[in-house]
C-alpha cells in the first residue's frame, strides 16, 4: 500500500534518535529534583523576604517617630526667634536705666521697672518651657557651633579663644541653634591644653543649625 493510500491512522510520526534522547533527558531531569529541597528553598526565600519587610517597617516606624518628635519640638522655632527680639528690647530698656536713677526712682517708676523685669522673666520662662535654652558662654571656650565672634580682646591671663565678653546672648532649641551668641574672644594668652582622650566624643559632636 502506497503512502498516498494510507489513512491518517496509518501515518504514524517518525521518532528520531535525537528526539528520543531529549525525552530521556527531560524525564531524567525531573526525576533528579527533590521536592523537599525545593520546598526548603522556597521557605528560605519567603523567610528572607519576611525579615526584610519587617526590618523596613521598623525603620519606617523609627523615622516616622523621629519626624513627629522633631515637628513637635521645632514647630515653635520661628515664633520663638521672633520672641527673642521682644526679650532683647526689654533687656535694652532695663540696661539703659542708670543705677543711680533706679535707686532714686519714685514709687511709680520703681513699679514700672519691676513690671518690665517680671515681663522679661516670664517671657524667658515660657520660652524655656517650649525647649528654648539661653546660652551664656562667658568664660567658656569659643565654639563656632554656638558662638559668633564679633571682636578679639588682648588678654594674657586666659587661654586663647576664651569668651571674655557676651555682646548678645544666644539661644538653642533642642539640639538646634536658634541664635548664636555674639561674643568677644581673648587673644594673646597661653595656648589651650590638648583635649583629654575621654573628651573626644564631646568635642566631635555636631550641632543641627537648621532651626
N, C-alpha and C. Protein backbone atom coordinates (compact mmCIF):
# COMPACT_ATOMS: atom_id res chain seq x y z
N UNK A 1 0.86 -1.18 0.00
CA UNK A 1 0.00 0.00 0.00
C UNK A 1 0.90 1.24 0.00
N UNK A 2 0.66 2.06 -0.95
CA UNK A 2 1.49 3.26 -1.09
C UNK A 2 1.13 4.28 -0.04
N UNK A 3 2.02 5.34 0.11
CA UNK A 3 1.79 6.39 1.10
C UNK A 3 0.52 7.15 0.81
N UNK A 4 0.20 7.27 -0.50
CA UNK A 4 -0.99 8.03 -0.85
C UNK A 4 -2.25 7.33 -0.37
N UNK A 5 -2.21 5.94 -0.30
CA UNK A 5 -3.40 5.20 0.08
C UNK A 5 -3.51 4.99 1.58
N UNK A 6 -2.50 5.47 2.40
CA UNK A 6 -2.58 5.30 3.83
C UNK A 6 -3.57 6.29 4.46
N UNK A 7 -4.31 5.77 5.42
CA UNK A 7 -5.24 6.63 6.17
C UNK A 7 -4.45 7.41 7.22
N UNK A 8 -5.06 8.49 7.82
CA UNK A 8 -4.36 9.25 8.87
C UNK A 8 -3.95 8.40 10.04
N UNK A 9 -4.76 7.35 10.36
CA UNK A 9 -4.39 6.49 11.48
C UNK A 9 -3.17 5.66 11.17
N UNK A 10 -2.98 5.34 9.85
CA UNK A 10 -1.84 4.53 9.46
C UNK A 10 -0.55 5.34 9.40
N UNK A 11 -0.67 6.68 9.28
CA UNK A 11 0.52 7.53 9.14
C UNK A 11 1.05 7.89 10.53
N UNK A 12 1.91 7.12 11.13
CA UNK A 12 2.49 7.37 12.45
C UNK A 12 3.72 8.25 12.32
N UNK A 13 3.92 9.20 13.26
CA UNK A 13 5.10 10.08 13.18
C UNK A 13 6.37 9.30 13.44
N UNK A 14 7.41 9.71 12.77
CA UNK A 14 8.70 9.06 12.94
C UNK A 14 9.43 9.66 14.14
N UNK A 15 10.03 8.85 14.96
CA UNK A 15 10.78 9.29 16.13
C UNK A 15 12.26 9.12 15.83
N UNK A 16 12.97 10.24 15.84
CA UNK A 16 14.41 10.19 15.53
C UNK A 16 15.17 9.84 16.79
N UNK A 17 16.44 9.52 16.65
CA UNK A 17 17.29 9.18 17.79
C UNK A 17 17.50 10.39 18.69
N UNK A 18 17.64 11.58 18.07
CA UNK A 18 17.85 12.81 18.86
C UNK A 18 16.63 13.11 19.70
N UNK A 19 15.45 12.93 19.16
CA UNK A 19 14.22 13.18 19.90
C UNK A 19 14.10 12.25 21.08
N UNK A 20 14.47 11.01 20.90
CA UNK A 20 14.41 10.05 22.00
C UNK A 20 15.35 10.44 23.13
N UNK A 21 16.55 10.91 22.74
CA UNK A 21 17.50 11.33 23.77
C UNK A 21 16.99 12.54 24.56
N UNK A 22 16.33 13.51 23.88
CA UNK A 22 15.79 14.69 24.56
C UNK A 22 14.71 14.29 25.55
N UNK A 23 13.86 13.36 25.17
CA UNK A 23 12.79 12.91 26.06
C UNK A 23 13.37 12.25 27.29
N UNK A 24 14.42 11.44 27.07
CA UNK A 24 15.02 10.78 28.21
C UNK A 24 15.67 11.79 29.16
N UNK A 25 16.28 12.86 28.60
CA UNK A 25 16.93 13.89 29.43
C UNK A 25 15.93 14.62 30.29
N UNK A 26 14.76 14.94 29.68
CA UNK A 26 13.73 15.65 30.43
C UNK A 26 13.19 14.80 31.55
N UNK A 27 12.87 13.56 31.21
CA UNK A 27 12.32 12.68 32.25
C UNK A 27 13.36 12.40 33.32
N UNK A 28 14.61 12.28 32.92
CA UNK A 28 15.66 12.05 33.90
C UNK A 28 15.87 13.25 34.78
N UNK A 29 15.76 14.53 34.21
CA UNK A 29 15.95 15.74 34.99
C UNK A 29 14.86 15.89 36.04
N UNK A 30 13.62 15.60 35.69
CA UNK A 30 12.52 15.70 36.65
C UNK A 30 12.70 14.71 37.78
N UNK A 31 13.26 13.57 37.44
CA UNK A 31 13.44 12.55 38.46
C UNK A 31 14.51 12.94 39.47
N UNK A 32 15.50 13.78 39.05
CA UNK A 32 16.59 14.17 39.94
C UNK A 32 16.19 15.27 40.92
N UNK A 33 15.08 16.03 40.69
CA UNK A 33 14.67 17.13 41.56
C UNK A 33 14.00 16.57 42.81
N UNK A 34 14.56 16.99 43.98
CA UNK A 34 13.99 16.56 45.26
C UNK A 34 12.94 17.57 45.69
N UNK A 35 11.68 17.20 45.73
CA UNK A 35 10.63 18.17 46.09
C UNK A 35 10.83 18.76 47.48
N UNK A 36 11.45 18.02 48.40
CA UNK A 36 11.69 18.55 49.74
C UNK A 36 12.69 19.70 49.70
N UNK A 37 13.74 19.53 48.86
CA UNK A 37 14.73 20.59 48.74
C UNK A 37 14.12 21.82 48.09
N UNK A 38 13.22 21.61 47.14
CA UNK A 38 12.54 22.74 46.51
C UNK A 38 11.73 23.51 47.54
N UNK A 39 10.99 22.79 48.39
CA UNK A 39 10.19 23.43 49.42
C UNK A 39 11.07 24.17 50.43
N UNK A 40 12.22 23.58 50.78
CA UNK A 40 13.13 24.24 51.70
C UNK A 40 13.65 25.55 51.11
N UNK A 41 13.99 25.52 49.82
CA UNK A 41 14.50 26.73 49.17
C UNK A 41 13.42 27.81 49.13
N UNK A 42 12.20 27.42 48.79
CA UNK A 42 11.10 28.39 48.76
C UNK A 42 10.83 28.94 50.15
N UNK A 43 10.89 28.08 51.16
CA UNK A 43 10.66 28.52 52.53
C UNK A 43 11.74 29.52 52.98
N UNK A 44 13.00 29.23 52.62
CA UNK A 44 14.08 30.14 52.98
C UNK A 44 13.91 31.49 52.30
N UNK A 45 13.48 31.48 51.05
CA UNK A 45 13.29 32.73 50.31
C UNK A 45 12.15 33.55 50.93
N UNK A 46 11.05 32.87 51.25
CA UNK A 46 9.93 33.57 51.87
C UNK A 46 10.30 34.13 53.24
N UNK A 47 11.10 33.37 54.00
CA UNK A 47 11.55 33.84 55.31
C UNK A 47 12.43 35.07 55.17
N UNK A 48 13.32 35.06 54.17
CA UNK A 48 14.21 36.20 53.94
C UNK A 48 13.39 37.43 53.56
N UNK A 49 12.38 37.25 52.70
CA UNK A 49 11.54 38.37 52.31
C UNK A 49 10.78 38.94 53.52
N UNK A 50 10.27 38.04 54.37
CA UNK A 50 9.52 38.48 55.54
C UNK A 50 10.42 39.28 56.49
N UNK A 51 11.66 38.81 56.69
CA UNK A 51 12.59 39.52 57.57
C UNK A 51 12.94 40.89 57.02
N UNK A 52 13.14 40.95 55.70
CA UNK A 52 13.46 42.24 55.07
C UNK A 52 12.28 43.20 55.21
N UNK A 53 11.08 42.70 55.02
CA UNK A 53 9.90 43.55 55.14
C UNK A 53 9.73 44.05 56.57
N UNK A 54 9.96 43.17 57.54
CA UNK A 54 9.86 43.58 58.94
C UNK A 54 10.91 44.64 59.28
N UNK A 55 12.13 44.48 58.76
CA UNK A 55 13.19 45.47 59.02
C UNK A 55 12.84 46.81 58.40
N UNK A 56 12.29 46.79 57.19
CA UNK A 56 11.90 48.04 56.53
C UNK A 56 10.78 48.73 57.29
N UNK A 57 9.83 47.95 57.79
CA UNK A 57 8.73 48.54 58.55
C UNK A 57 9.23 49.13 59.86
N UNK A 58 10.19 48.49 60.51
CA UNK A 58 10.74 49.01 61.75
C UNK A 58 11.50 50.32 61.50
N UNK A 59 12.28 50.36 60.41
CA UNK A 59 12.99 51.59 60.07
C UNK A 59 12.01 52.72 59.76
N UNK A 60 10.94 52.38 59.06
CA UNK A 60 9.92 53.38 58.74
C UNK A 60 9.26 53.90 60.01
N UNK A 61 8.99 53.00 60.95
CA UNK A 61 8.37 53.41 62.21
C UNK A 61 9.29 54.36 62.97
N UNK A 62 10.59 54.05 63.02
CA UNK A 62 11.52 54.90 63.74
C UNK A 62 11.65 56.27 63.09
N UNK A 63 11.72 56.27 61.74
CA UNK A 63 11.81 57.56 61.03
C UNK A 63 10.58 58.41 61.28
N UNK A 64 9.42 57.75 61.26
CA UNK A 64 8.17 58.48 61.47
C UNK A 64 8.11 59.06 62.87
N UNK A 65 8.52 58.27 63.87
CA UNK A 65 8.52 58.77 65.25
C UNK A 65 9.46 59.95 65.40
N UNK A 66 10.65 59.88 64.76
CA UNK A 66 11.61 60.99 64.86
C UNK A 66 11.06 62.25 64.18
N UNK A 67 10.41 62.07 63.02
CA UNK A 67 9.85 63.22 62.32
C UNK A 67 8.75 63.87 63.14
N UNK A 68 7.91 63.04 63.78
CA UNK A 68 6.84 63.59 64.61
C UNK A 68 7.43 64.34 65.81
N UNK A 69 8.46 63.74 66.43
CA UNK A 69 9.11 64.38 67.58
C UNK A 69 9.75 65.70 67.18
N UNK A 70 10.46 65.71 66.04
CA UNK A 70 11.11 66.94 65.58
C UNK A 70 10.08 68.01 65.25
N UNK A 71 8.97 67.58 64.64
CA UNK A 71 7.92 68.54 64.29
C UNK A 71 7.35 69.20 65.53
N UNK A 72 7.10 68.39 66.56
CA UNK A 72 6.56 68.94 67.80
C UNK A 72 7.58 69.86 68.48
N UNK A 73 8.85 69.45 68.48
CA UNK A 73 9.87 70.19 69.21
C UNK A 73 10.25 71.49 68.52
N UNK A 74 10.32 71.46 67.19
CA UNK A 74 10.83 72.62 66.47
C UNK A 74 9.74 73.44 65.77
N UNK A 75 8.48 73.08 66.03
CA UNK A 75 7.39 73.81 65.37
C UNK A 75 7.36 75.28 65.80
N UNK A 76 7.83 75.57 67.00
CA UNK A 76 7.76 76.93 67.53
C UNK A 76 9.04 77.71 67.24
N UNK A 77 9.93 77.16 66.41
CA UNK A 77 11.23 77.82 66.19
C UNK A 77 11.06 79.24 65.66
N UNK A 78 10.22 79.40 64.64
CA UNK A 78 10.04 80.73 64.05
C UNK A 78 9.44 81.71 65.04
N UNK A 79 8.42 81.27 65.77
CA UNK A 79 7.78 82.13 66.76
C UNK A 79 8.76 82.48 67.89
N UNK A 80 9.52 81.46 68.34
CA UNK A 80 10.48 81.70 69.42
C UNK A 80 11.54 82.69 68.99
N UNK A 81 12.00 82.58 67.75
CA UNK A 81 13.02 83.51 67.26
C UNK A 81 12.48 84.95 67.26
N UNK A 82 11.22 85.11 66.90
CA UNK A 82 10.62 86.45 66.92
C UNK A 82 10.49 86.97 68.35
N UNK A 83 10.18 86.08 69.28
CA UNK A 83 10.05 86.49 70.68
C UNK A 83 11.39 86.91 71.28
N UNK A 84 12.48 86.41 70.74
CA UNK A 84 13.79 86.82 71.24
C UNK A 84 14.01 88.31 71.03
N UNK A 85 13.46 88.85 69.96
CA UNK A 85 13.58 90.29 69.71
C UNK A 85 12.87 91.08 70.80
N UNK A 86 11.71 90.57 71.22
CA UNK A 86 10.98 91.23 72.31
C UNK A 86 11.81 91.18 73.60
N UNK A 87 12.40 90.02 73.88
CA UNK A 87 13.24 89.89 75.07
C UNK A 87 14.43 90.82 75.02
N UNK A 88 15.04 90.93 73.83
CA UNK A 88 16.19 91.83 73.69
C UNK A 88 15.80 93.28 73.97
N UNK A 89 14.63 93.69 73.48
CA UNK A 89 14.20 95.07 73.70
C UNK A 89 13.91 95.35 75.18
N UNK A 90 13.34 94.36 75.86
CA UNK A 90 13.10 94.53 77.29
C UNK A 90 14.42 94.69 78.04
N UNK A 91 15.41 93.86 77.67
CA UNK A 91 16.70 93.93 78.33
C UNK A 91 17.39 95.26 78.04
N UNK A 92 17.30 95.75 76.80
CA UNK A 92 17.91 97.03 76.46
C UNK A 92 17.27 98.17 77.27
N UNK A 93 15.96 98.09 77.45
CA UNK A 93 15.27 99.13 78.22
C UNK A 93 15.76 99.14 79.67
N UNK A 94 15.95 97.96 80.24
CA UNK A 94 16.43 97.89 81.62
C UNK A 94 17.88 98.33 81.74
N UNK A 95 18.71 97.94 80.76
CA UNK A 95 20.13 98.31 80.81
C UNK A 95 20.35 99.80 80.57
N UNK A 96 19.43 100.44 79.87
CA UNK A 96 19.59 101.88 79.59
C UNK A 96 19.33 102.75 80.80
N UNK A 97 18.75 102.16 81.85
CA UNK A 97 18.44 102.94 83.05
C UNK A 97 19.64 102.95 83.98
N UNK A 98 20.21 104.11 84.26
CA UNK A 98 21.37 104.17 85.16
C UNK A 98 21.02 103.64 86.55
N UNK A 99 22.01 103.08 87.21
CA UNK A 99 21.79 102.52 88.53
C UNK A 99 21.34 103.60 89.52
N UNK A 100 21.89 104.79 89.39
CA UNK A 100 21.50 105.89 90.29
C UNK A 100 20.04 106.25 90.13
N UNK A 101 19.59 106.30 88.87
CA UNK A 101 18.18 106.61 88.63
C UNK A 101 17.28 105.51 89.16
N UNK A 102 17.75 104.28 89.08
CA UNK A 102 16.97 103.17 89.61
C UNK A 102 16.83 103.28 91.13
N UNK A 103 17.93 103.65 91.78
CA UNK A 103 17.91 103.74 93.23
C UNK A 103 17.05 104.91 93.73
N UNK A 104 17.05 105.99 92.96
CA UNK A 104 16.32 107.20 93.39
C UNK A 104 14.94 107.31 92.77
N UNK A 105 14.49 106.27 92.10
CA UNK A 105 13.19 106.32 91.42
C UNK A 105 12.06 106.37 92.45
N UNK A 106 11.00 107.11 92.09
CA UNK A 106 9.84 107.16 92.98
C UNK A 106 9.05 105.86 92.85
N UNK A 107 7.97 105.77 93.58
CA UNK A 107 7.21 104.53 93.64
C UNK A 107 6.66 104.13 92.27
N UNK A 108 6.21 105.11 91.49
CA UNK A 108 5.64 104.81 90.18
C UNK A 108 6.68 104.25 89.22
N UNK A 109 7.85 104.89 89.17
CA UNK A 109 8.92 104.43 88.28
C UNK A 109 9.45 103.08 88.74
N UNK A 110 9.56 102.90 90.04
CA UNK A 110 10.05 101.62 90.57
C UNK A 110 9.10 100.48 90.21
N UNK A 111 7.80 100.76 90.27
CA UNK A 111 6.82 99.73 89.90
C UNK A 111 6.91 99.41 88.41
N UNK A 112 7.17 100.44 87.60
CA UNK A 112 7.31 100.22 86.17
C UNK A 112 8.54 99.35 85.86
N UNK A 113 9.64 99.65 86.53
CA UNK A 113 10.86 98.87 86.33
C UNK A 113 10.64 97.41 86.74
N UNK A 114 9.99 97.24 87.89
CA UNK A 114 9.71 95.88 88.36
C UNK A 114 8.81 95.14 87.38
N UNK A 115 7.85 95.83 86.81
CA UNK A 115 6.95 95.20 85.83
C UNK A 115 7.69 94.75 84.57
N UNK A 116 8.61 95.58 84.10
CA UNK A 116 9.40 95.21 82.92
C UNK A 116 10.27 94.00 83.22
N UNK A 117 10.87 93.97 84.42
CA UNK A 117 11.71 92.83 84.81
C UNK A 117 10.88 91.55 84.91
N UNK A 118 9.70 91.64 85.47
CA UNK A 118 8.83 90.47 85.58
C UNK A 118 8.39 89.98 84.20
N UNK A 119 8.12 90.91 83.30
CA UNK A 119 7.73 90.53 81.94
C UNK A 119 8.87 89.79 81.24
N UNK A 120 10.09 90.31 81.42
CA UNK A 120 11.23 89.65 80.81
C UNK A 120 11.42 88.23 81.37
N UNK A 121 11.33 88.08 82.68
CA UNK A 121 11.49 86.76 83.30
C UNK A 121 10.42 85.79 82.83
N UNK A 122 9.19 86.25 82.77
CA UNK A 122 8.10 85.37 82.37
C UNK A 122 8.25 84.95 80.90
N UNK A 123 8.70 85.88 80.07
CA UNK A 123 8.90 85.55 78.65
C UNK A 123 9.97 84.47 78.51
N UNK A 124 11.07 84.62 79.23
CA UNK A 124 12.14 83.63 79.17
C UNK A 124 11.69 82.29 79.75
N UNK A 125 10.85 82.33 80.79
CA UNK A 125 10.33 81.09 81.36
C UNK A 125 9.45 80.34 80.36
N UNK A 126 8.62 81.07 79.66
CA UNK A 126 7.74 80.43 78.67
C UNK A 126 8.54 79.86 77.51
N UNK A 127 9.58 80.57 77.11
CA UNK A 127 10.44 80.04 76.05
C UNK A 127 11.13 78.77 76.50
N UNK A 128 11.58 78.76 77.77
CA UNK A 128 12.25 77.57 78.29
C UNK A 128 11.29 76.39 78.37
N UNK A 129 10.04 76.63 78.70
CA UNK A 129 9.05 75.56 78.73
C UNK A 129 8.86 74.92 77.36
N UNK A 130 9.10 75.68 76.33
CA UNK A 130 8.96 75.18 74.96
C UNK A 130 10.30 74.72 74.38
N UNK A 131 11.27 74.46 75.24
CA UNK A 131 12.54 73.89 74.81
C UNK A 131 13.60 74.87 74.40
N UNK A 132 13.37 76.16 74.61
CA UNK A 132 14.35 77.18 74.24
C UNK A 132 15.27 77.44 75.43
N UNK A 133 16.56 77.25 75.22
CA UNK A 133 17.54 77.39 76.29
C UNK A 133 18.48 78.57 75.99
N UNK A 134 18.73 79.39 77.00
CA UNK A 134 19.61 80.54 76.84
C UNK A 134 21.06 80.10 76.93
N UNK A 135 21.90 80.65 76.08
CA UNK A 135 23.33 80.37 76.08
C UNK A 135 24.07 81.54 76.72
N UNK A 136 24.79 81.25 77.79
CA UNK A 136 25.60 82.27 78.47
C UNK A 136 27.04 81.76 78.52
N UNK A 137 27.82 81.98 77.45
CA UNK A 137 29.13 81.32 77.32
C UNK A 137 30.30 82.06 77.94
N UNK A 138 30.06 83.04 78.77
CA UNK A 138 31.18 83.80 79.36
C UNK A 138 32.12 82.86 80.10
N UNK A 139 33.42 82.95 79.76
CA UNK A 139 34.43 82.10 80.38
C UNK A 139 34.62 80.75 79.72
N UNK A 140 33.79 80.43 78.74
CA UNK A 140 33.90 79.15 78.05
C UNK A 140 34.80 79.27 76.82
N UNK A 141 35.23 78.13 76.31
CA UNK A 141 35.99 78.11 75.07
C UNK A 141 35.07 78.49 73.91
N UNK A 142 35.59 79.29 73.00
CA UNK A 142 34.81 79.69 71.84
C UNK A 142 34.43 78.48 70.99
N UNK A 143 33.16 78.35 70.68
CA UNK A 143 32.64 77.24 69.88
C UNK A 143 31.86 77.82 68.71
N UNK A 144 32.37 77.68 67.49
CA UNK A 144 31.69 78.28 66.34
C UNK A 144 30.31 77.69 66.09
N UNK A 145 30.02 76.54 66.68
CA UNK A 145 28.68 75.97 66.53
C UNK A 145 27.63 76.75 67.31
N UNK A 146 28.06 77.40 68.41
CA UNK A 146 27.13 78.11 69.27
C UNK A 146 27.41 79.60 69.38
N UNK A 147 28.62 80.04 69.01
CA UNK A 147 29.02 81.42 69.21
C UNK A 147 29.40 82.08 67.89
N UNK A 148 29.25 83.38 67.86
CA UNK A 148 29.69 84.19 66.73
C UNK A 148 30.65 85.25 67.25
N UNK A 149 31.92 85.15 66.84
CA UNK A 149 32.94 86.08 67.33
C UNK A 149 32.78 87.43 66.66
N UNK A 150 32.66 88.48 67.47
CA UNK A 150 32.49 89.83 66.95
C UNK A 150 33.81 90.61 66.97
N UNK A 151 34.67 90.31 67.94
CA UNK A 151 35.95 91.02 68.06
C UNK A 151 36.86 90.21 68.96
N UNK A 152 38.15 90.60 68.98
CA UNK A 152 39.15 89.96 69.83
C UNK A 152 39.60 90.93 70.92
N UNK A 153 39.86 90.37 72.08
CA UNK A 153 40.29 91.18 73.22
C UNK A 153 41.67 90.69 73.67
N UNK A 154 42.70 91.53 73.59
CA UNK A 154 44.02 91.10 74.09
C UNK A 154 43.95 90.78 75.58
N UNK A 155 44.34 89.57 75.93
CA UNK A 155 44.27 89.15 77.33
C UNK A 155 45.25 87.99 77.52
N UNK A 156 46.26 88.21 78.30
CA UNK A 156 47.28 87.17 78.51
C UNK A 156 46.97 86.29 79.72
N UNK A 157 45.88 86.57 80.41
CA UNK A 157 45.55 85.82 81.62
C UNK A 157 44.70 84.58 81.36
N UNK A 158 44.08 84.51 80.21
CA UNK A 158 43.21 83.36 79.91
C UNK A 158 43.68 82.75 78.58
N UNK A 159 43.37 81.47 78.34
CA UNK A 159 43.78 80.83 77.09
C UNK A 159 43.17 81.51 75.88
N UNK A 160 43.86 81.37 74.76
CA UNK A 160 43.33 81.90 73.51
C UNK A 160 41.92 81.38 73.23
N UNK A 161 41.14 82.18 72.54
CA UNK A 161 39.79 81.79 72.12
C UNK A 161 38.86 81.48 73.29
N UNK A 162 39.07 82.19 74.40
CA UNK A 162 38.13 82.10 75.51
C UNK A 162 37.13 83.26 75.39
N UNK A 163 35.85 82.97 75.62
CA UNK A 163 34.83 84.01 75.56
C UNK A 163 34.98 84.91 76.79
N UNK A 164 35.35 86.17 76.57
CA UNK A 164 35.56 87.10 77.68
C UNK A 164 34.45 88.14 77.77
N UNK A 165 33.63 88.23 76.72
CA UNK A 165 32.53 89.20 76.75
C UNK A 165 31.39 88.69 75.88
N UNK A 166 30.17 88.82 76.39
CA UNK A 166 28.97 88.42 75.65
C UNK A 166 28.22 89.68 75.25
N UNK A 167 28.20 89.95 73.96
CA UNK A 167 27.52 91.14 73.45
C UNK A 167 26.02 90.90 73.39
N UNK A 168 25.64 89.71 72.93
CA UNK A 168 24.23 89.35 72.85
C UNK A 168 24.09 87.87 73.16
N UNK A 169 23.19 87.53 74.06
CA UNK A 169 23.01 86.13 74.46
C UNK A 169 22.51 85.30 73.29
N UNK A 170 22.92 84.04 73.28
CA UNK A 170 22.45 83.11 72.26
C UNK A 170 21.38 82.19 72.82
N UNK A 171 20.71 81.47 71.92
CA UNK A 171 19.65 80.55 72.33
C UNK A 171 19.69 79.32 71.44
N UNK A 172 19.29 78.20 72.00
CA UNK A 172 19.14 76.98 71.23
C UNK A 172 17.81 76.32 71.60
N UNK A 173 17.27 75.57 70.65
CA UNK A 173 16.03 74.84 70.89
C UNK A 173 16.31 73.38 70.58
N UNK A 174 16.19 72.53 71.58
CA UNK A 174 16.58 71.14 71.39
C UNK A 174 18.07 71.07 71.10
N UNK A 175 18.42 70.44 69.99
CA UNK A 175 19.81 70.33 69.57
C UNK A 175 20.15 71.34 68.48
N UNK A 176 19.23 72.22 68.18
CA UNK A 176 19.45 73.19 67.10
C UNK A 176 19.73 74.57 67.67
N UNK A 177 20.61 75.29 67.00
CA UNK A 177 20.93 76.66 67.40
C UNK A 177 19.85 77.58 66.86
N UNK A 178 19.18 78.25 67.78
CA UNK A 178 18.16 79.21 67.37
C UNK A 178 18.79 80.54 67.00
N UNK A 179 19.78 80.95 67.82
CA UNK A 179 20.54 82.16 67.54
C UNK A 179 21.89 82.05 68.23
N UNK A 180 23.00 82.18 67.51
CA UNK A 180 24.31 82.08 68.15
C UNK A 180 24.56 83.29 69.06
N UNK A 181 25.33 83.06 70.10
CA UNK A 181 25.70 84.15 71.00
C UNK A 181 26.79 84.98 70.34
N UNK A 182 26.61 86.29 70.37
CA UNK A 182 27.62 87.20 69.83
C UNK A 182 28.61 87.53 70.95
N UNK A 183 29.88 87.23 70.71
CA UNK A 183 30.85 87.30 71.80
C UNK A 183 32.15 87.96 71.34
N UNK A 184 32.94 88.35 72.36
CA UNK A 184 34.31 88.77 72.16
C UNK A 184 35.23 87.70 72.74
N UNK A 185 36.29 87.37 72.03
CA UNK A 185 37.18 86.28 72.45
C UNK A 185 38.57 86.82 72.77
N UNK A 186 39.26 86.08 73.63
CA UNK A 186 40.58 86.51 74.08
C UNK A 186 41.63 86.21 73.02
N UNK A 187 42.71 86.99 73.09
CA UNK A 187 43.83 86.83 72.16
C UNK A 187 45.13 87.14 72.91
N UNK A 188 46.14 86.32 72.63
CA UNK A 188 47.45 86.57 73.22
C UNK A 188 47.74 85.79 74.47
N UNK A 189 46.80 84.98 74.94
CA UNK A 189 47.02 84.20 76.14
C UNK A 189 47.70 82.88 75.81
N UNK A 190 47.90 82.02 76.83
CA UNK A 190 48.52 80.72 76.59
C UNK A 190 47.66 79.85 75.69
N UNK A 191 48.35 78.94 74.98
CA UNK A 191 47.61 78.04 74.11
C UNK A 191 46.82 77.06 74.95
N UNK A 192 45.73 76.64 74.36
CA UNK A 192 44.85 75.71 75.09
C UNK A 192 45.50 74.34 75.18
N UNK A 193 45.37 73.69 76.33
CA UNK A 193 45.90 72.34 76.51
C UNK A 193 45.13 71.37 75.64
N UNK A 194 45.82 70.33 75.10
CA UNK A 194 45.12 69.36 74.26
C UNK A 194 44.01 68.68 75.02
N UNK A 195 42.91 68.38 74.32
CA UNK A 195 41.75 67.75 74.95
C UNK A 195 42.09 66.35 75.40
N UNK A 196 41.51 65.94 76.50
CA UNK A 196 41.72 64.58 77.02
C UNK A 196 41.07 63.57 76.10
N UNK A 197 41.56 62.33 76.21
CA UNK A 197 41.06 61.28 75.32
C UNK A 197 39.59 61.03 75.52
N UNK A 198 39.12 61.11 76.79
CA UNK A 198 37.72 60.81 77.04
C UNK A 198 36.81 61.95 76.66
N UNK A 199 37.37 63.08 76.28
CA UNK A 199 36.53 64.20 75.88
C UNK A 199 36.42 64.34 74.38
N UNK A 200 37.01 63.39 73.65
CA UNK A 200 36.99 63.49 72.21
C UNK A 200 35.61 63.39 71.62
N UNK A 201 34.77 62.53 72.22
CA UNK A 201 33.43 62.35 71.67
C UNK A 201 32.61 63.61 71.81
N UNK A 202 32.77 64.29 72.96
CA UNK A 202 32.01 65.51 73.17
C UNK A 202 32.48 66.60 72.23
N UNK A 203 33.81 66.67 72.03
CA UNK A 203 34.33 67.72 71.15
C UNK A 203 33.93 67.48 69.72
N UNK A 204 33.68 66.25 69.34
CA UNK A 204 33.35 65.94 67.96
C UNK A 204 31.88 65.97 67.65
N UNK A 205 31.05 66.34 68.64
CA UNK A 205 29.62 66.37 68.41
C UNK A 205 29.28 67.46 67.43
N UNK A 206 28.28 67.17 66.61
CA UNK A 206 27.81 68.16 65.66
C UNK A 206 26.53 68.79 66.15
N UNK A 207 26.25 69.98 65.67
CA UNK A 207 25.07 70.71 66.10
C UNK A 207 24.21 70.99 64.88
N UNK A 208 22.92 70.71 65.03
CA UNK A 208 21.98 70.99 63.95
C UNK A 208 21.67 72.47 63.94
N UNK A 209 21.94 73.16 62.82
CA UNK A 209 21.72 74.59 62.72
C UNK A 209 20.50 74.92 61.86
N UNK A 210 19.62 73.97 61.65
CA UNK A 210 18.52 74.17 60.74
C UNK A 210 17.27 74.73 61.41
N UNK A 211 17.35 75.11 62.66
CA UNK A 211 16.17 75.63 63.35
C UNK A 211 15.76 76.98 62.75
